[in-house]
Amino acid sequence: MATATKDGIRQTLKVQKPAEITPYLNILPYGPPGVGKTVLAGTAADHPETSPVLILDIEGGTLSIRNKKVDVVRVESVEALVKIYEQLMAENDGYYKTCVIDSLTELQKLDMIDIMRELQSRRPDIDIPSQREWGISIDHMRKIVRGFRDLPMNTIFTALVNIDKDNNGVVTYTPSLPGKLKMEISGFVDVVGYMTTAVEDGNSIRRIQFAQTSKVIAKDRSAKLGDVVDNPTIPMLWDTMHDNS
């Protein structure tokens, strides 16, 4: 009787063992403009487990991946992005294996423009967002990231970097998002990497840091990527994270 009860509740709850859950990749690379975030996302087209790729272009910066076999949709409003999400939920049926939102930083700015436009239609005297408007935008971004993350596909979110210096001169690097959202968004995904460039022996290197420090927001729930990866690609990261040897 006890076994039947246990099996019954497991079936009712539709429980899974961690190893049975489809290991989709969800990653947030962030860094300064031109560091290669979009290029990194575009390399998802080079692996059978992450291609075909749909890029939702909010920054208008896909020139760097013009030679990649990816599909691009130019997104100019949060409303348009939500409609794409609904279409992916209803119609994708496993075709696109990876969706890229490039970038969250620009998306949040678009969202605030929409919020302020609606506010000014009622209160034309207000031209600066208050704490209320920031709260609305933060809530929108939470829902968007969670929604896309939970789609049955891989998701890549890019963001610019925010560089802060405190009164003691200590510099910290976080995704460029307002308030506590920069920390919350990092918690929604499995992998967060801070991207930089370096020059070694006359060669330019793209570098992504997955090790969390007191100065840099980063993480790797797979615990397989190491502290730093040079010249990263999505196929490289995918194969490393799924290496069971």
Protein backbone atom coordinates (compact mmCIF):
# COMPACT_ATOMS: atom_id res chain seq x y z
CA MET A 1 0.00 0.00 0.00
CA ALA A 2 2.80 2.41 0.82
CA THR A 3 4.49 1.74 -2.52
CA ALA A 4 1.25 2.33 -4.43
CA THR A 5 0.72 5.61 -2.60
CA LYS A 6 4.26 6.72 -3.38
CA ASP A 7 3.90 5.82 -7.07
CA GLY A 8 0.51 7.50 -7.18
CA ILE A 9 1.73 10.85 -5.85
CA ARG A 10 4.79 10.69 -8.14
CA GLN A 11 2.56 10.22 -11.17
CA THR A 12 0.17 12.95 -10.05
CA LEU A 13 3.01 15.43 -9.57
CA LYS A 14 4.75 14.26 -12.79
CA VAL A 15 8.08 14.20 -10.99
CA GLN A 16 11.38 13.62 -12.76
CA LYS A 17 14.85 12.70 -11.67
CA PRO A 18 17.42 15.46 -12.40
CA ALA A 19 19.12 13.21 -14.98
CA GLU A 20 15.81 12.79 -16.84
CA ILE A 21 15.27 16.52 -17.39
CA THR A 22 16.19 17.74 -20.88
CA PRO A 23 19.49 19.63 -20.44
CA TYR A 24 18.71 22.81 -22.35
CA LEU A 25 21.39 25.49 -22.32
CA ASN A 26 20.41 28.86 -20.90
CA ILE A 27 23.22 31.38 -20.72
CA LEU A 28 23.72 35.10 -20.14
CA PRO A 29 26.96 36.49 -21.61
CA TYR A 30 27.47 40.17 -20.80
CA GLY A 31 30.19 42.68 -21.51
CA PRO A 32 31.06 45.96 -23.22
CA PRO A 33 29.95 46.78 -26.78
CA GLY A 34 31.93 45.01 -29.48
CA VAL A 35 33.36 42.32 -27.22
CA GLY A 36 31.71 39.50 -29.20
CA LYS A 37 28.48 38.65 -27.39
CA THR A 38 26.44 38.46 -30.61
CA VAL A 39 29.24 36.56 -32.34
CA LEU A 40 29.22 34.03 -29.48
CA ALA A 41 25.45 33.63 -29.75
CA GLY A 42 25.70 33.17 -33.51
CA THR A 43 28.02 30.18 -33.12
CA ALA A 44 25.02 28.21 -31.87
CA ALA A 45 24.38 27.68 -35.60
CA ASP A 46 27.51 25.49 -35.71
CA HIS A 47 26.26 22.63 -33.53
CA PRO A 48 23.44 20.16 -34.33
CA GLU A 49 22.12 20.33 -30.77
CA THR A 50 21.73 24.14 -30.85
CA SER A 51 20.74 24.78 -34.47
CA PRO A 52 18.52 26.11 -36.12
CA VAL A 53 18.88 29.45 -34.32
CA LEU A 54 16.38 32.30 -34.03
CA ILE A 55 17.90 35.65 -33.07
CA LEU A 56 15.57 38.33 -31.74
CA ASP A 57 17.56 41.41 -32.65
CA ILE A 58 16.80 44.36 -30.40
CA GLU A 59 20.13 46.18 -30.69
CA GLY A 60 20.28 46.13 -34.49
CA GLY A 61 23.75 44.63 -34.32
CA THR A 62 23.69 41.47 -36.43
CA LEU A 63 26.28 42.64 -38.97
CA SER A 64 28.93 40.67 -37.09
CA ILE A 65 27.11 37.39 -37.81
CA ARG A 66 26.07 38.07 -41.41
CA ASN A 67 27.83 34.89 -42.56
CA LYS A 68 26.09 32.66 -40.02
CA LYS A 69 23.12 30.49 -40.99
CA VAL A 70 20.69 31.98 -38.48
CA ASP A 71 17.21 33.46 -38.72
CA VAL A 72 16.79 37.03 -37.45
CA VAL A 73 13.69 38.93 -36.43
CA ARG A 74 14.07 42.65 -35.73
CA VAL A 75 12.17 43.43 -32.51
CA GLU A 76 11.17 47.03 -31.85
CA SER A 77 8.83 46.69 -28.86
CA VAL A 78 8.16 44.47 -25.88
CA GLU A 79 4.70 43.80 -27.28
CA ALA A 80 6.26 42.35 -30.44
CA LEU A 81 8.59 40.20 -28.34
CA VAL A 82 5.67 38.81 -26.34
CA LYS A 83 3.89 37.86 -29.57
CA ILE A 84 7.00 36.00 -30.74
CA TYR A 85 7.10 34.15 -27.42
CA GLU A 86 3.46 33.12 -27.86
CA GLN A 87 4.16 31.91 -31.41
CA LEU A 88 7.13 29.87 -30.25
CA MET A 89 5.01 28.31 -27.52
CA ALA A 90 2.23 27.39 -29.95
CA GLU A 91 4.01 26.63 -33.21
CA ASN A 92 7.74 25.94 -32.84
CA ASP A 93 7.30 22.18 -32.32
CA GLY A 94 11.02 21.67 -31.91
CA TYR A 95 12.13 23.43 -35.10
CA TYR A 96 14.22 26.20 -33.55
CA LYS A 97 16.58 24.68 -31.02
CA THR A 98 17.99 28.00 -29.77
CA CYS A 99 16.46 31.42 -29.23
CA VAL A 100 18.69 34.47 -28.67
CA ILE A 101 17.52 37.75 -27.15
CA ASP A 102 20.10 40.38 -28.09
CA SER A 103 20.07 42.27 -25.78
CA LEU A 104 18.25 42.49 -22.43
CA THR A 105 19.80 45.91 -21.80
CA GLU A 106 18.22 47.38 -24.93
CA LEU A 107 14.96 45.52 -24.33
CA GLN A 108 14.57 47.12 -20.90
CA LYS A 109 15.10 50.55 -22.46
CA LEU A 110 12.39 49.84 -25.04
CA ASP A 111 10.08 48.72 -22.26
CA MET A 112 10.64 51.94 -20.31
CA ILE A 113 9.91 53.99 -23.43
CA ASP A 114 6.57 52.19 -23.79
CA ILE A 115 5.76 52.65 -20.10
CA MET A 116 6.55 56.36 -20.20
CA ARG A 117 4.59 56.84 -23.42
CA GLU A 118 1.52 55.34 -21.78
CA LEU A 119 2.04 57.43 -18.64
CA GLN A 120 2.48 60.67 -20.59
CA SER A 121 -0.73 60.01 -22.49
CA ARG A 122 -2.45 60.54 -19.14
CA ARG A 123 0.09 62.82 -17.44
CA PRO A 124 1.94 64.88 -20.08
CA ASP A 125 3.68 66.86 -17.32
CA ILE A 126 5.73 63.81 -16.22
CA ASP A 127 8.87 63.05 -18.19
CA ILE A 128 11.03 61.17 -15.67
CA PRO A 129 10.17 57.61 -14.55
CA SER A 130 9.37 57.22 -10.87
CA GLN A 131 9.98 54.22 -8.66
CA ARG A 132 6.58 52.91 -9.79
CA GLU A 133 7.59 52.89 -13.49
CA TRP A 134 10.92 51.23 -12.71
CA GLY A 135 9.06 48.58 -10.72
CA ILE A 136 6.70 47.90 -13.63
CA SER A 137 9.60 47.52 -16.05
CA ILE A 138 11.52 45.22 -13.72
CA ASP A 139 8.45 43.00 -13.39
CA HIS A 140 8.07 42.88 -17.18
CA MET A 141 11.69 41.82 -17.59
CA ARG A 142 11.38 39.11 -14.95
CA LYS A 143 8.40 37.60 -16.76
CA ILE A 144 10.08 37.78 -20.16
CA VAL A 145 13.30 36.10 -19.06
CA ARG A 146 11.48 33.38 -17.13
CA GLY A 147 9.10 32.80 -20.03
CA PHE A 148 11.80 32.40 -22.68
CA ARG A 149 14.01 30.41 -20.33
CA ASP A 150 11.23 27.89 -19.78
CA LEU A 151 10.58 27.33 -23.49
CA PRO A 152 11.53 23.79 -24.63
CA MET A 153 14.69 25.05 -26.32
CA ASN A 154 18.08 26.59 -25.58
CA THR A 155 18.09 30.29 -24.71
CA ILE A 156 20.85 32.88 -24.91
CA PHE A 157 20.35 36.32 -23.37
CA THR A 158 22.99 38.98 -23.95
CA ALA A 159 23.47 42.19 -21.96
CA LEU A 160 25.86 45.10 -21.75
CA VAL A 161 28.06 45.49 -18.67
CA ASN A 162 27.50 47.96 -15.85
CA ILE A 163 30.74 49.10 -14.18
CA ASP A 164 30.35 50.54 -10.68
CA LYS A 165 32.98 52.08 -8.43
CA ASP A 166 32.27 52.50 -4.73
CA ASN A 167 33.64 55.16 -2.39
CA ASN A 168 36.72 53.06 -1.75
CA GLY A 169 37.50 52.78 -5.45
CA VAL A 170 36.44 49.12 -5.68
CA VAL A 171 35.11 48.35 -9.17
CA THR A 172 32.37 45.76 -9.78
CA TYR A 173 31.06 44.32 -13.06
CA THR A 174 27.41 43.30 -13.43
CA PRO A 175 24.87 42.95 -16.26
CA SER A 176 23.58 46.39 -17.25
CA LEU A 177 20.05 46.18 -15.88
CA PRO A 178 18.28 48.40 -13.34
CA GLY A 179 18.38 47.92 -9.59
CA LYS A 180 18.12 44.44 -8.16
CA LEU A 181 17.16 43.06 -11.58
CA LYS A 182 20.85 42.63 -12.46
CA MET A 183 21.17 40.09 -9.64
CA GLU A 184 17.78 38.45 -10.15
CA ILE A 185 18.26 37.84 -13.87
CA SER A 186 21.59 36.20 -13.15
CA GLY A 187 19.74 33.82 -10.86
CA PHE A 188 17.23 32.81 -13.54
CA VAL A 189 19.79 31.17 -15.85
CA ASP A 190 22.30 28.37 -15.38
CA VAL A 191 25.34 30.09 -16.84
CA VAL A 192 26.46 33.73 -16.55
CA GLY A 193 29.69 34.86 -18.18
CA TYR A 194 31.50 38.19 -18.18
CA MET A 195 33.12 38.79 -21.58
CA THR A 196 36.26 40.83 -22.18
CA THR A 197 39.01 41.05 -24.77
CA ALA A 198 42.74 40.73 -24.22
CA VAL A 199 45.87 40.90 -26.36
CA GLU A 200 48.49 38.20 -25.86
CA ASP A 201 51.56 37.81 -28.07
CA GLY A 202 50.04 40.29 -30.48
CA ASN A 203 46.83 38.28 -30.85
CA SER A 204 43.39 39.48 -29.80
CA ILE A 205 41.56 37.04 -27.54
CA ARG A 206 37.90 37.00 -26.59
CA ARG A 207 37.61 35.80 -23.00
CA ILE A 208 34.62 34.82 -20.88
CA GLN A 209 34.76 34.45 -17.11
CA PHE A 210 32.46 32.00 -15.35
CA ALA A 211 34.03 32.26 -11.89
CA GLN A 212 32.14 34.44 -9.43
CA THR A 213 34.34 36.92 -7.57
CA SER A 214 33.79 39.90 -5.31
CA LYS A 215 34.07 42.10 -8.41
CA VAL A 216 32.39 40.05 -11.14
CA ILE A 217 28.93 38.49 -11.34
CA ALA A 218 29.32 35.09 -12.98
CA LYS A 219 28.36 31.44 -12.45
CA ASP A 220 28.25 27.96 -13.95
CA ARG A 221 25.75 25.51 -12.49
CA SER A 222 27.24 22.68 -14.54
CA ALA A 223 30.58 23.15 -12.72
CA LYS A 224 32.33 22.04 -15.91
CA LEU A 225 33.33 25.21 -17.72
CA GLY A 226 36.15 26.26 -15.43
CA ASP A 227 37.00 29.78 -14.35
CA VAL A 228 37.78 31.26 -17.78
CA VAL A 229 37.38 30.19 -21.42
CA ASP A 230 39.30 31.86 -24.24
CA ASN A 231 37.70 32.39 -27.65
CA PRO A 232 34.49 30.66 -26.58
CA THR A 233 31.87 29.24 -28.92
CA ILE A 234 28.50 27.74 -28.10
CA PRO A 235 29.53 24.33 -29.52
CA MET A 236 32.59 24.40 -27.24
CA LEU A 237 30.51 25.27 -24.19
CA TRP A 238 27.78 22.75 -25.08
CA ASP A 239 30.21 19.86 -25.53
CA THR A 240 32.06 20.71 -22.32
CA MET A 241 28.87 20.90 -20.28
CA HIS A 242 27.60 17.58 -21.71
CA ASP A 243 30.84 15.67 -21.42
CA ASN A 244 30.15 12.73 -19.10
CA SER A 245 33.62 11.23 -19.30
